[in-house]
Amino acid sequence: MSVEYYFDENVPRAIAEGLRLKGIDVLTVQEDGFDQRDDPVVLDRATELGRVVFTFDDDFLREATARSTAGSPFATVIYAPQLRMSIGRCIDDLELFAGAVQEDEIRSRVYQLPLH
């Protein structure tokens, strides 16, 4: 299974670049022209593209959790608390996730980093 990521605008570019160096597909909202959009719009876009969202945004996490609770389909969201995760750790955990996840684990789910 090859995970394709969609990075929210609050994610440092260094994380996207680090993953790309490892051969992992990353598209940022800035590259897609969806920066400065509300979280529901970004989540809808990621769902449309079939990509897994990565964010540091608490509000985005709440949006994904609300959709999960309501049973609404959405792109899987991976959330990391920004002040507790180094860039290197994010890269390592996202690479691990991309290599280990099964297809049925990347639809309408919410995950949090760090992975254990």
PDB file of N, CA and C in Angstrom:
ATOM      1  N   MET A   1       0.849  -1.183   0.000  1.00  0.00           N
ATOM      2  CA  MET A   1       0.000   0.000   0.000  1.00  0.00           C
ATOM      3  C   MET A   1       0.881   1.227   0.000  1.00  0.00           C
ATOM      4  N   SER A   2       0.616   2.121  -0.897  1.00  0.00           N
ATOM      5  CA  SER A   2       1.378   3.354  -0.979  1.00  0.00           C
ATOM      6  C   SER A   2       0.506   4.517  -0.519  1.00  0.00           C
ATOM      7  N   VAL A   3       0.884   5.128   0.579  1.00  0.00           N
ATOM      8  CA  VAL A   3       0.144   6.256   1.120  1.00  0.00           C
ATOM      9  C   VAL A   3       0.576   7.527   0.414  1.00  0.00           C
ATOM     10  N   GLU A   4      -0.393   8.330   0.040  1.00  0.00           N
ATOM     11  CA  GLU A   4      -0.134   9.651  -0.508  1.00  0.00           C
ATOM     12  C   GLU A   4      -0.624  10.661   0.521  1.00  0.00           C
ATOM     13  N   TYR A   5       0.269  11.559   0.920  1.00  0.00           N
ATOM     14  CA  TYR A   5      -0.061  12.535   1.958  1.00  0.00           C
ATOM     15  C   TYR A   5      -0.531  13.855   1.372  1.00  0.00           C
ATOM     16  N   TYR A   6      -1.358  14.532   2.164  1.00  0.00           N
ATOM     17  CA  TYR A   6      -1.818  15.890   1.872  1.00  0.00           C
ATOM     18  C   TYR A   6      -1.534  16.702   3.126  1.00  0.00           C
ATOM     19  N   PHE A   7      -0.597  17.640   3.036  1.00  0.00           N
ATOM     20  CA  PHE A   7      -0.157  18.392   4.214  1.00  0.00           C
ATOM     21  C   PHE A   7      -0.922  19.691   4.374  1.00  0.00           C
ATOM     22  N   ASP A   8      -1.443  19.893   5.574  1.00  0.00           N
ATOM     23  CA  ASP A   8      -2.097  21.132   5.948  1.00  0.00           C
ATOM     24  C   ASP A   8      -1.055  22.254   5.945  1.00  0.00           C
ATOM     25  N   GLU A   9      -1.519  23.482   5.900  1.00  0.00           N
ATOM     26  CA  GLU A   9      -0.602  24.608   5.750  1.00  0.00           C
ATOM     27  C   GLU A   9       0.287  24.863   6.965  1.00  0.00           C
ATOM     28  N   ASN A  10      -0.019  24.284   8.105  1.00  0.00           N
ATOM     29  CA  ASN A  10       0.790  24.520   9.293  1.00  0.00           C
ATOM     30  C   ASN A  10       1.976  23.563   9.429  1.00  0.00           C
ATOM     31  N   VAL A  11       2.143  22.656   8.492  1.00  0.00           N
ATOM     32  CA  VAL A  11       3.222  21.666   8.561  1.00  0.00           C
ATOM     33  C   VAL A  11       4.493  22.256   7.929  1.00  0.00           C
ATOM     34  N   PRO A  12       5.620  22.214   8.649  1.00  0.00           N
ATOM     35  CA  PRO A  12       6.867  22.744   8.092  1.00  0.00           C
ATOM     36  C   PRO A  12       7.263  22.038   6.789  1.00  0.00           C
ATOM     37  N   ARG A  13       7.716  22.819   5.848  1.00  0.00           N
ATOM     38  CA  ARG A  13       8.128  22.304   4.542  1.00  0.00           C
ATOM     39  C   ARG A  13       9.210  21.224   4.659  1.00  0.00           C
ATOM     40  N   ALA A  14      10.036  21.317   5.688  1.00  0.00           N
ATOM     41  CA  ALA A  14      11.117  20.350   5.872  1.00  0.00           C
ATOM     42  C   ALA A  14      10.585  18.927   6.026  1.00  0.00           C
ATOM     43  N   ILE A  15       9.397  18.769   6.581  1.00  0.00           N
ATOM     44  CA  ILE A  15       8.822  17.433   6.737  1.00  0.00           C
ATOM     45  C   ILE A  15       8.442  16.874   5.372  1.00  0.00           C
ATOM     46  N   ALA A  16       7.807  17.702   4.551  1.00  0.00           N
ATOM     47  CA  ALA A  16       7.458  17.265   3.187  1.00  0.00           C
ATOM     48  C   ALA A  16       8.718  16.909   2.411  1.00  0.00           C
ATOM     49  N   GLU A  17       9.727  17.739   2.492  1.00  0.00           N
ATOM     50  CA  GLU A  17      10.972  17.488   1.763  1.00  0.00           C
ATOM     51  C   GLU A  17      11.659  16.218   2.244  1.00  0.00           C
ATOM     52  N   GLY A  18      11.668  15.986   3.553  1.00  0.00           N
ATOM     53  CA  GLY A  18      12.270  14.773   4.104  1.00  0.00           C
ATOM     54  C   GLY A  18      11.582  13.514   3.623  1.00  0.00           C
ATOM     55  N   LEU A  19      10.255  13.537   3.583  1.00  0.00           N
ATOM     56  CA  LEU A  19       9.511  12.377   3.097  1.00  0.00           C
ATOM     57  C   LEU A  19       9.719  12.164   1.605  1.00  0.00           C
ATOM     58  N   ARG A  20       9.761  13.238   0.857  1.00  0.00           N
ATOM     59  CA  ARG A  20       9.995  13.117  -0.586  1.00  0.00           C
ATOM     60  C   ARG A  20      11.361  12.500  -0.876  1.00  0.00           C
ATOM     61  N   LEU A  21      12.350  12.842  -0.067  1.00  0.00           N
ATOM     62  CA  LEU A  21      13.674  12.234  -0.229  1.00  0.00           C
ATOM     63  C   LEU A  21      13.627  10.727  -0.004  1.00  0.00           C
ATOM     64  N   LYS A  22      12.632  10.269   0.737  1.00  0.00           N
ATOM     65  CA  LYS A  22      12.457   8.838   0.997  1.00  0.00           C
ATOM     66  C   LYS A  22      11.505   8.190  -0.009  1.00  0.00           C
ATOM     67  N   GLY A  23      11.090   8.953  -1.028  1.00  0.00           N
ATOM     68  CA  GLY A  23      10.236   8.419  -2.086  1.00  0.00           C
ATOM     69  C   GLY A  23       8.758   8.410  -1.768  1.00  0.00           C
ATOM     70  N   ILE A  24       8.345   9.179  -0.757  1.00  0.00           N
ATOM     71  CA  ILE A  24       6.944   9.209  -0.354  1.00  0.00           C
ATOM     72  C   ILE A  24       6.263  10.415  -0.997  1.00  0.00           C
ATOM     73  N   ASP A  25       5.083  10.178  -1.561  1.00  0.00           N
ATOM     74  CA  ASP A  25       4.322  11.209  -2.261  1.00  0.00           C
ATOM     75  C   ASP A  25       3.673  12.162  -1.263  1.00  0.00           C
ATOM     76  N   VAL A  26       4.018  13.449  -1.375  1.00  0.00           N
ATOM     77  CA  VAL A  26       3.447  14.490  -0.522  1.00  0.00           C
ATOM     78  C   VAL A  26       2.978  15.637  -1.401  1.00  0.00           C
ATOM     79  N   LEU A  27       1.763  16.086  -1.160  1.00  0.00           N
ATOM     80  CA  LEU A  27       1.219  17.280  -1.797  1.00  0.00           C
ATOM     81  C   LEU A  27       0.808  18.225  -0.677  1.00  0.00           C
ATOM     82  N   THR A  28       1.241  19.474  -0.735  1.00  0.00           N
ATOM     83  CA  THR A  28       0.856  20.439   0.293  1.00  0.00           C
ATOM     84  C   THR A  28      -0.344  21.250  -0.196  1.00  0.00           C
ATOM     85  N   VAL A  29      -1.083  21.807   0.751  1.00  0.00           N
ATOM     86  CA  VAL A  29      -2.218  22.641   0.366  1.00  0.00           C
ATOM     87  C   VAL A  29      -1.744  23.855  -0.429  1.00  0.00           C
ATOM     88  N   GLN A  30      -0.551  24.342  -0.135  1.00  0.00           N
ATOM     89  CA  GLN A  30      -0.018  25.483  -0.878  1.00  0.00           C
ATOM     90  C   GLN A  30       0.218  25.107  -2.343  1.00  0.00           C
ATOM     91  N   GLU A  31       0.801  23.940  -2.570  1.00  0.00           N
ATOM     92  CA  GLU A  31       1.061  23.475  -3.933  1.00  0.00           C
ATOM     93  C   GLU A  31      -0.244  23.226  -4.698  1.00  0.00           C
ATOM     94  N   ASP A  32      -1.278  22.832  -3.955  1.00  0.00           N
ATOM     95  CA  ASP A  32      -2.569  22.513  -4.554  1.00  0.00           C
ATOM     96  C   ASP A  32      -3.478  23.737  -4.688  1.00  0.00           C
ATOM     97  N   GLY A  33      -3.038  24.889  -4.174  1.00  0.00           N
ATOM     98  CA  GLY A  33      -3.855  26.095  -4.232  1.00  0.00           C
ATOM     99  C   GLY A  33      -4.983  26.119  -3.217  1.00  0.00           C
ATOM    100  N   PHE A  34      -4.861  25.332  -2.147  1.00  0.00           N
ATOM    101  CA  PHE A  34      -5.902  25.265  -1.121  1.00  0.00           C
ATOM    102  C   PHE A  34      -5.454  25.830   0.223  1.00  0.00           C
ATOM    103  N   ASP A  35      -4.365  26.603   0.236  1.00  0.00           N
ATOM    104  CA  ASP A  35      -3.972  27.245   1.485  1.00  0.00           C
ATOM    105  C   ASP A  35      -4.959  28.375   1.793  1.00  0.00           C
ATOM    106  N   GLN A  36      -5.025  28.743   3.030  1.00  0.00           N
ATOM    107  CA  GLN A  36      -5.945  29.768   3.518  1.00  0.00           C
ATOM    108  C   GLN A  36      -7.421  29.365   3.376  1.00  0.00           C
ATOM    109  N   ARG A  37      -7.684  28.090   3.239  1.00  0.00           N
ATOM    110  CA  ARG A  37      -9.072  27.599   3.182  1.00  0.00           C
ATOM    111  C   ARG A  37      -9.458  27.050   4.557  1.00  0.00           C
ATOM    112  N   ASP A  38     -10.733  27.033   4.823  1.00  0.00           N
ATOM    113  CA  ASP A  38     -11.229  26.482   6.082  1.00  0.00           C
ATOM    114  C   ASP A  38     -10.964  24.979   6.137  1.00  0.00           C
ATOM    115  N   ASP A  39     -10.811  24.464   7.340  1.00  0.00           N
ATOM    116  CA  ASP A  39     -10.500  23.048   7.535  1.00  0.00           C
ATOM    117  C   ASP A  39     -11.483  22.106   6.838  1.00  0.00           C
ATOM    118  N   PRO A  40     -12.802  22.339   6.910  1.00  0.00           N
ATOM    119  CA  PRO A  40     -13.721  21.422   6.211  1.00  0.00           C
ATOM    120  C   PRO A  40     -13.465  21.362   4.703  1.00  0.00           C
ATOM    121  N   VAL A  41     -13.089  22.489   4.115  1.00  0.00           N
ATOM    122  CA  VAL A  41     -12.809  22.526   2.679  1.00  0.00           C
ATOM    123  C   VAL A  41     -11.537  21.730   2.369  1.00  0.00           C
ATOM    124  N   VAL A  42     -10.519  21.883   3.213  1.00  0.00           N
ATOM    125  CA  VAL A  42      -9.265  21.148   3.018  1.00  0.00           C
ATOM    126  C   VAL A  42      -9.503  19.647   3.191  1.00  0.00           C
ATOM    127  N   LEU A  43     -10.294  19.280   4.186  1.00  0.00           N
ATOM    128  CA  LEU A  43     -10.580  17.864   4.405  1.00  0.00           C
ATOM    129  C   LEU A  43     -11.389  17.287   3.238  1.00  0.00           C
ATOM    130  N   ASP A  44     -12.319  18.056   2.719  1.00  0.00           N
ATOM    131  CA  ASP A  44     -13.071  17.606   1.543  1.00  0.00           C
ATOM    132  C   ASP A  44     -12.138  17.410   0.351  1.00  0.00           C
ATOM    133  N   ARG A  45     -11.186  18.323   0.174  1.00  0.00           N
ATOM    134  CA  ARG A  45     -10.245  18.222  -0.944  1.00  0.00           C
ATOM    135  C   ARG A  45      -9.378  16.969  -0.801  1.00  0.00           C
ATOM    136  N   ALA A  46      -8.872  16.720   0.381  1.00  0.00           N
ATOM    137  CA  ALA A  46      -8.057  15.520   0.609  1.00  0.00           C
ATOM    138  C   ALA A  46      -8.871  14.260   0.349  1.00  0.00           C
ATOM    139  N   THR A  47     -10.117  14.270   0.753  1.00  0.00           N
ATOM    140  CA  THR A  47     -11.008  13.126   0.514  1.00  0.00           C
ATOM    141  C   THR A  47     -11.187  12.912  -0.981  1.00  0.00           C
ATOM    142  N   GLU A  48     -11.415  13.989  -1.701  1.00  0.00           N
ATOM    143  CA  GLU A  48     -11.575  13.925  -3.153  1.00  0.00           C
ATOM    144  C   GLU A  48     -10.325  13.351  -3.825  1.00  0.00           C
ATOM    145  N   LEU A  49      -9.156  13.726  -3.316  1.00  0.00           N
ATOM    146  CA  LEU A  49      -7.889  13.266  -3.890  1.00  0.00           C
ATOM    147  C   LEU A  49      -7.477  11.878  -3.404  1.00  0.00           C
ATOM    148  N   GLY A  50      -8.119  11.374  -2.355  1.00  0.00           N
ATOM    149  CA  GLY A  50      -7.766  10.068  -1.807  1.00  0.00           C
ATOM    150  C   GLY A  50      -6.446  10.088  -1.051  1.00  0.00           C
ATOM    151  N   ARG A  51      -6.139  11.212  -0.412  1.00  0.00           N
ATOM    152  CA  ARG A  51      -4.875  11.369   0.302  1.00  0.00           C
ATOM    153  C   ARG A  51      -5.094  11.412   1.814  1.00  0.00           C
ATOM    154  N   VAL A  52      -4.078  11.042   2.552  1.00  0.00           N
ATOM    155  CA  VAL A  52      -4.087  11.089   4.010  1.00  0.00           C
ATOM    156  C   VAL A  52      -3.585  12.461   4.446  1.00  0.00           C
ATOM    157  N   VAL A  53      -4.365  13.137   5.275  1.00  0.00           N
ATOM    158  CA  VAL A  53      -4.008  14.473   5.749  1.00  0.00           C
ATOM    159  C   VAL A  53      -3.053  14.368   6.937  1.00  0.00           C
ATOM    160  N   PHE A  54      -2.040  15.237   6.928  1.00  0.00           N
ATOM    161  CA  PHE A  54      -1.192  15.401   8.102  1.00  0.00           C
ATOM    162  C   PHE A  54      -1.290  16.848   8.556  1.00  0.00           C
ATOM    163  N   THR A  55      -1.519  17.036   9.863  1.00  0.00           N
ATOM    164  CA  THR A  55      -1.716  18.374  10.410  1.00  0.00           C
ATOM    165  C   THR A  55      -1.209  18.476  11.838  1.00  0.00           C
ATOM    166  N   PHE A  56      -0.922  19.705  12.246  1.00  0.00           N
ATOM    167  CA  PHE A  56      -0.628  20.047  13.637  1.00  0.00           C
ATOM    168  C   PHE A  56      -1.796  20.831  14.248  1.00  0.00           C
ATOM    169  N   ASP A  57      -2.860  21.030  13.493  1.00  0.00           N
ATOM    170  CA  ASP A  57      -3.959  21.916  13.841  1.00  0.00           C
ATOM    171  C   ASP A  57      -5.022  21.205  14.685  1.00  0.00           C
ATOM    172  N   ASP A  58      -5.212  21.684  15.917  1.00  0.00           N
ATOM    173  CA  ASP A  58      -6.226  21.115  16.818  1.00  0.00           C
ATOM    174  C   ASP A  58      -7.635  21.221  16.229  1.00  0.00           C
ATOM    175  N   ASP A  59      -7.930  22.342  15.562  1.00  0.00           N
ATOM    176  CA  ASP A  59      -9.252  22.517  14.966  1.00  0.00           C
ATOM    177  C   ASP A  59      -9.509  21.485  13.869  1.00  0.00           C
ATOM    178  N   PHE A  60      -8.471  21.174  13.100  1.00  0.00           N
ATOM    179  CA  PHE A  60      -8.603  20.165  12.045  1.00  0.00           C
ATOM    180  C   PHE A  60      -8.901  18.805  12.678  1.00  0.00           C
ATOM    181  N   LEU A  61      -8.229  18.513  13.764  1.00  0.00           N
ATOM    182  CA  LEU A  61      -8.475  17.266  14.489  1.00  0.00           C
ATOM    183  C   LEU A  61      -9.931  17.196  14.948  1.00  0.00           C
ATOM    184  N   ARG A  62     -10.454  18.291  15.450  1.00  0.00           N
ATOM    185  CA  ARG A  62     -11.858  18.319  15.888  1.00  0.00           C
ATOM    186  C   ARG A  62     -12.813  18.082  14.719  1.00  0.00           C
ATOM    187  N   GLU A  63     -12.511  18.665  13.560  1.00  0.00           N
ATOM    188  CA  GLU A  63     -13.355  18.464  12.371  1.00  0.00           C
ATOM    189  C   GLU A  63     -13.385  16.987  11.968  1.00  0.00           C
ATOM    190  N   ALA A  64     -12.217  16.361  11.944  1.00  0.00           N
ATOM    191  CA  ALA A  64     -12.145  14.944  11.568  1.00  0.00           C
ATOM    192  C   ALA A  64     -12.863  14.070  12.593  1.00  0.00           C
ATOM    193  N   THR A  65     -12.697  14.384  13.863  1.00  0.00           N
ATOM    194  CA  THR A  65     -13.353  13.614  14.916  1.00  0.00           C
ATOM    195  C   THR A  65     -14.871  13.757  14.826  1.00  0.00           C
ATOM    196  N   ALA A  66     -15.349  14.956  14.526  1.00  0.00           N
ATOM    197  CA  ALA A  66     -16.796  15.173  14.379  1.00  0.00           C
ATOM    198  C   ALA A  66     -17.348  14.356  13.213  1.00  0.00           C
ATOM    199  N   ARG A  67     -16.613  14.311  12.109  1.00  0.00           N
ATOM    200  CA  ARG A  67     -17.068  13.514  10.965  1.00  0.00           C
ATOM    201  C   ARG A  67     -17.056  12.025  11.296  1.00  0.00           C
ATOM    202  N   SER A  68     -16.051  11.600  12.038  1.00  0.00           N
ATOM    203  CA  SER A  68     -15.977  10.202  12.435  1.00  0.00           C
ATOM    204  C   SER A  68     -17.168   9.833  13.319  1.00  0.00           C
ATOM    205  N   THR A  69     -17.461  10.685  14.276  1.00  0.00           N
ATOM    206  CA  THR A  69     -18.583  10.457  15.187  1.00  0.00           C
ATOM    207  C   THR A  69     -19.905  10.413  14.425  1.00  0.00           C
ATOM    208  N   ALA A  70     -20.029  11.269  13.406  1.00  0.00           N
ATOM    209  CA  ALA A  70     -21.262  11.325  12.611  1.00  0.00           C
ATOM    210  C   ALA A  70     -21.353  10.210  11.578  1.00  0.00           C
ATOM    211  N   GLY A  71     -20.268   9.476  11.398  1.00  0.00           N
ATOM    212  CA  GLY A  71     -20.266   8.409  10.403  1.00  0.00           C
ATOM    213  C   GLY A  71     -20.122   8.903   8.976  1.00  0.00           C
ATOM    214  N   SER A  72     -19.644  10.129   8.816  1.00  0.00           N
ATOM    215  CA  SER A  72     -19.437  10.706   7.482  1.00  0.00           C
ATOM    216  C   SER A  72     -18.070  10.293   6.946  1.00  0.00           C
ATOM    217  N   PRO A  73     -17.990   9.858   5.703  1.00  0.00           N
ATOM    218  CA  PRO A  73     -16.694   9.472   5.141  1.00  0.00           C
ATOM    219  C   PRO A  73     -15.787  10.691   4.968  1.00  0.00           C
ATOM    220  N   PHE A  74     -14.495  10.482   5.214  1.00  0.00           N
ATOM    221  CA  PHE A  74     -13.520  11.556   5.069  1.00  0.00           C
ATOM    222  C   PHE A  74     -12.131  10.943   4.904  1.00  0.00           C
ATOM    223  N   ALA A  75     -11.215  11.768   4.416  1.00  0.00           N
ATOM    224  CA  ALA A  75      -9.827  11.322   4.299  1.00  0.00           C
ATOM    225  C   ALA A  75      -9.262  11.107   5.700  1.00  0.00           C
ATOM    226  N   THR A  76      -8.493  10.069   5.853  1.00  0.00           N
ATOM    227  CA  THR A  76      -7.855   9.825   7.139  1.00  0.00           C
ATOM    228  C   THR A  76      -6.988  11.018   7.517  1.00  0.00           C
ATOM    229  N   VAL A  77      -6.971  11.330   8.809  1.00  0.00           N
ATOM    230  CA  VAL A  77      -6.200  12.452   9.329  1.00  0.00           C
ATOM    231  C   VAL A  77      -5.186  11.934  10.331  1.00  0.00           C
ATOM    232  N   ILE A  78      -3.956  12.363  10.165  1.00  0.00           N
ATOM    233  CA  ILE A  78      -2.909  12.111  11.156  1.00  0.00           C
ATOM    234  C   ILE A  78      -2.592  13.443  11.809  1.00  0.00           C
ATOM    235  N   TYR A  79      -2.726  13.474  13.113  1.00  0.00           N
ATOM    236  CA  TYR A  79      -2.505  14.693  13.893  1.00  0.00           C
ATOM    237  C   TYR A  79      -1.290  14.506  14.782  1.00  0.00           C
ATOM    238  N   ALA A  80      -0.492  15.559  14.885  1.00  0.00           N
ATOM    239  CA  ALA A  80       0.644  15.555  15.808  1.00  0.00           C
ATOM    240  C   ALA A  80       0.608  16.838  16.624  1.00  0.00           C
ATOM    241  N   PRO A  81       0.811  16.729  17.921  1.00  0.00           N
ATOM    242  CA  PRO A  81       0.917  17.946  18.732  1.00  0.00           C
ATOM    243  C   PRO A  81       2.239  18.643  18.396  1.00  0.00           C
ATOM    244  N   GLN A  82       2.161  19.841  17.854  1.00  0.00           N
ATOM    245  CA  GLN A  82       3.319  20.523  17.286  1.00  0.00           C
ATOM    246  C   GLN A  82       4.476  20.689  18.263  1.00  0.00           C
ATOM    247  N   LEU A  83       4.205  21.007  19.490  1.00  0.00           N
ATOM    248  CA  LEU A  83       5.288  21.285  20.426  1.00  0.00           C
ATOM    249  C   LEU A  83       5.951  20.024  20.968  1.00  0.00           C
ATOM    250  N   ARG A  84       5.387  18.862  20.679  1.00  0.00           N
ATOM    251  CA  ARG A  84       5.951  17.616  21.203  1.00  0.00           C
ATOM    252  C   ARG A  84       6.649  16.773  20.145  1.00  0.00           C
ATOM    253  N   MET A  85       6.651  17.226  18.899  1.00  0.00           N
ATOM    254  CA  MET A  85       7.193  16.408  17.811  1.00  0.00           C
ATOM    255  C   MET A  85       8.293  17.161  17.066  1.00  0.00           C
ATOM    256  N   SER A  86       9.447  16.562  16.985  1.00  0.00           N
ATOM    257  CA  SER A  86      10.514  17.145  16.179  1.00  0.00           C
ATOM    258  C   SER A  86      10.250  16.839  14.703  1.00  0.00           C
ATOM    259  N   ILE A  87      10.894  17.586  13.840  1.00  0.00           N
ATOM    260  CA  ILE A  87      10.757  17.341  12.405  1.00  0.00           C
ATOM    261  C   ILE A  87      11.220  15.930  12.060  1.00  0.00           C
ATOM    262  N   GLY A  88      12.355  15.519  12.604  1.00  0.00           N
ATOM    263  CA  GLY A  88      12.875  14.175  12.341  1.00  0.00           C
ATOM    264  C   GLY A  88      11.929  13.086  12.798  1.00  0.00           C
ATOM    265  N   ARG A  89      11.336  13.255  13.956  1.00  0.00           N
ATOM    266  CA  ARG A  89      10.396  12.252  14.475  1.00  0.00           C
ATOM    267  C   ARG A  89       9.149  12.179  13.603  1.00  0.00           C
ATOM    268  N   CYS A  90       8.658  13.334  13.135  1.00  0.00           N
ATOM    269  CA  CYS A  90       7.497  13.337  12.238  1.00  0.00           C
ATOM    270  C   CYS A  90       7.809  12.576  10.955  1.00  0.00           C
ATOM    271  N   ILE A  91       8.973  12.848  10.381  1.00  0.00           N
ATOM    272  CA  ILE A  91       9.369  12.164   9.149  1.00  0.00           C
ATOM    273  C   ILE A  91       9.435  10.657   9.385  1.00  0.00           C
ATOM    274  N   ASP A  92      10.082  10.264  10.471  1.00  0.00           N
ATOM    275  CA  ASP A  92      10.215   8.830  10.764  1.00  0.00           C
ATOM    276  C   ASP A  92       8.857   8.164  10.967  1.00  0.00           C
ATOM    277  N   ASP A  93       7.979   8.801  11.742  1.00  0.00           N
ATOM    278  CA  ASP A  93       6.672   8.205  12.026  1.00  0.00           C
ATOM    279  C   ASP A  93       5.780   8.163  10.784  1.00  0.00           C
ATOM    280  N   LEU A  94       5.824   9.210   9.979  1.00  0.00           N
ATOM    281  CA  LEU A  94       5.016   9.212   8.755  1.00  0.00           C
ATOM    282  C   LEU A  94       5.536   8.198   7.746  1.00  0.00           C
ATOM    283  N   GLU A  95       6.845   8.012   7.696  1.00  0.00           N
ATOM    284  CA  GLU A  95       7.414   6.969   6.829  1.00  0.00           C
ATOM    285  C   GLU A  95       6.981   5.591   7.323  1.00  0.00           C
ATOM    286  N   LEU A  96       7.042   5.373   8.629  1.00  0.00           N
ATOM    287  CA  LEU A  96       6.606   4.105   9.213  1.00  0.00           C
ATOM    288  C   LEU A  96       5.124   3.851   8.914  1.00  0.00           C
ATOM    289  N   PHE A  97       4.299   4.867   9.092  1.00  0.00           N
ATOM    290  CA  PHE A  97       2.867   4.736   8.809  1.00  0.00           C
ATOM    291  C   PHE A  97       2.644   4.351   7.351  1.00  0.00           C
ATOM    292  N   ALA A  98       3.321   5.047   6.453  1.00  0.00           N
ATOM    293  CA  ALA A  98       3.155   4.795   5.017  1.00  0.00           C
ATOM    294  C   ALA A  98       3.528   3.366   4.651  1.00  0.00           C
ATOM    295  N   GLY A  99       4.506   2.809   5.327  1.00  0.00           N
ATOM    296  CA  GLY A  99       4.944   1.458   5.011  1.00  0.00           C
ATOM    297  C   GLY A  99       4.163   0.359   5.687  1.00  0.00           C
ATOM    298  N   ALA A 100       3.451   0.705   6.744  1.00  0.00           N
ATOM    299  CA  ALA A 100       2.804  -0.338   7.543  1.00  0.00           C
ATOM    300  C   ALA A 100       1.288  -0.380   7.424  1.00  0.00           C
ATOM    301  N   VAL A 101       0.676   0.677   6.979  1.00  0.00           N
ATOM    302  CA  VAL A 101      -0.783   0.761   6.976  1.00  0.00           C
ATOM    303  C   VAL A 101      -1.390  -0.120   5.882  1.00  0.00           C
ATOM    304  N   GLN A 102      -2.544  -0.670   6.188  1.00  0.00           N
ATOM    305  CA  GLN A 102      -3.310  -1.456   5.231  1.00  0.00           C
ATOM    306  C   GLN A 102      -4.386  -0.566   4.610  1.00  0.00           C
ATOM    307  N   GLU A 103      -4.867  -0.931   3.444  1.00  0.00           N
ATOM    308  CA  GLU A 103      -5.828  -0.098   2.715  1.00  0.00           C
ATOM    309  C   GLU A 103      -7.067   0.233   3.547  1.00  0.00           C
ATOM    310  N   ASP A 104      -7.580  -0.727   4.305  1.00  0.00           N
ATOM    311  CA  ASP A 104      -8.789  -0.471   5.085  1.00  0.00           C
ATOM    312  C   ASP A 104      -8.521   0.407   6.312  1.00  0.00           C
ATOM    313  N   GLU A 105      -7.266   0.741   6.565  1.00  0.00           N
ATOM    314  CA  GLU A 105      -6.909   1.588   7.702  1.00  0.00           C
ATOM    315  C   GLU A 105      -6.709   3.052   7.307  1.00  0.00           C
ATOM    316  N   ILE A 106      -6.940   3.390   6.048  1.00  0.00           N
ATOM    317  CA  ILE A 106      -6.709   4.776   5.635  1.00  0.00           C
ATOM    318  C   ILE A 106      -7.977   5.446   5.115  1.00  0.00           C
ATOM    319  N   ARG A 107      -9.102   5.011   5.592  1.00  0.00           N
ATOM    320  CA  ARG A 107     -10.352   5.672   5.231  1.00  0.00           C
ATOM    321  C   ARG A 107     -11.094   6.048   6.512  1.00  0.00           C
ATOM    322  N   SER A 108     -11.436   7.309   6.615  1.00  0.00           N
ATOM    323  CA  SER A 108     -12.281   7.798   7.714  1.00  0.00           C
ATOM    324  C   SER A 108     -11.730   7.428   9.093  1.00  0.00           C
ATOM    325  N   ARG A 109     -10.456   7.643   9.263  1.00  0.00           N
ATOM    326  CA  ARG A 109      -9.815   7.357  10.550  1.00  0.00           C
ATOM    327  C   ARG A 109      -9.034   8.573  11.031  1.00  0.00           C
ATOM    328  N   VAL A 110      -8.784   8.605  12.319  1.00  0.00           N
ATOM    329  CA  VAL A 110      -7.952   9.644  12.921  1.00  0.00           C
ATOM    330  C   VAL A 110      -6.842   8.948  13.700  1.00  0.00           C
ATOM    331  N   TYR A 111      -5.600   9.322  13.398  1.00  0.00           N
ATOM    332  CA  TYR A 111      -4.440   8.796  14.096  1.00  0.00           C
ATOM    333  C   TYR A 111      -3.679   9.951  14.712  1.00  0.00           C
ATOM    334  N   GLN A 112      -2.947   9.652  15.782  1.00  0.00           N
ATOM    335  CA  GLN A 112      -2.120  10.679  16.406  1.00  0.00           C
ATOM    336  C   GLN A 112      -0.675  10.212  16.469  1.00  0.00           C
ATOM    337  N   LEU A 113       0.215  11.147  16.228  1.00  0.00           N
ATOM    338  CA  LEU A 113       1.642  10.899  16.426  1.00  0.00           C
ATOM    339  C   LEU A 113       2.008  11.377  17.820  1.00  0.00           C
ATOM    340  N   PRO A 114       3.010  10.845  18.454  1.00  0.00           N
ATOM    341  CA  PRO A 114       3.917   9.856  17.909  1.00  0.00           C
ATOM    342  C   PRO A 114       3.307   8.470  17.897  1.00  0.00           C
ATOM    343  N   LEU A 115       3.770   7.673  16.924  1.00  0.00           N
ATOM    344  CA  LEU A 115       3.395   6.260  16.871  1.00  0.00           C
ATOM    345  C   LEU A 115       4.209   5.535  17.934  1.00  0.00           C
ATOM    346  N   HIS A 116       3.656   4.499  18.472  1.00  0.00           N
ATOM    347  CA  HIS A 116       4.389   3.728  19.512  1.00  0.00           C
ATOM    348  C   HIS A 116       4.634   2.334  19.034  1.00  0.00           C
TER     349      HIS A 116
END
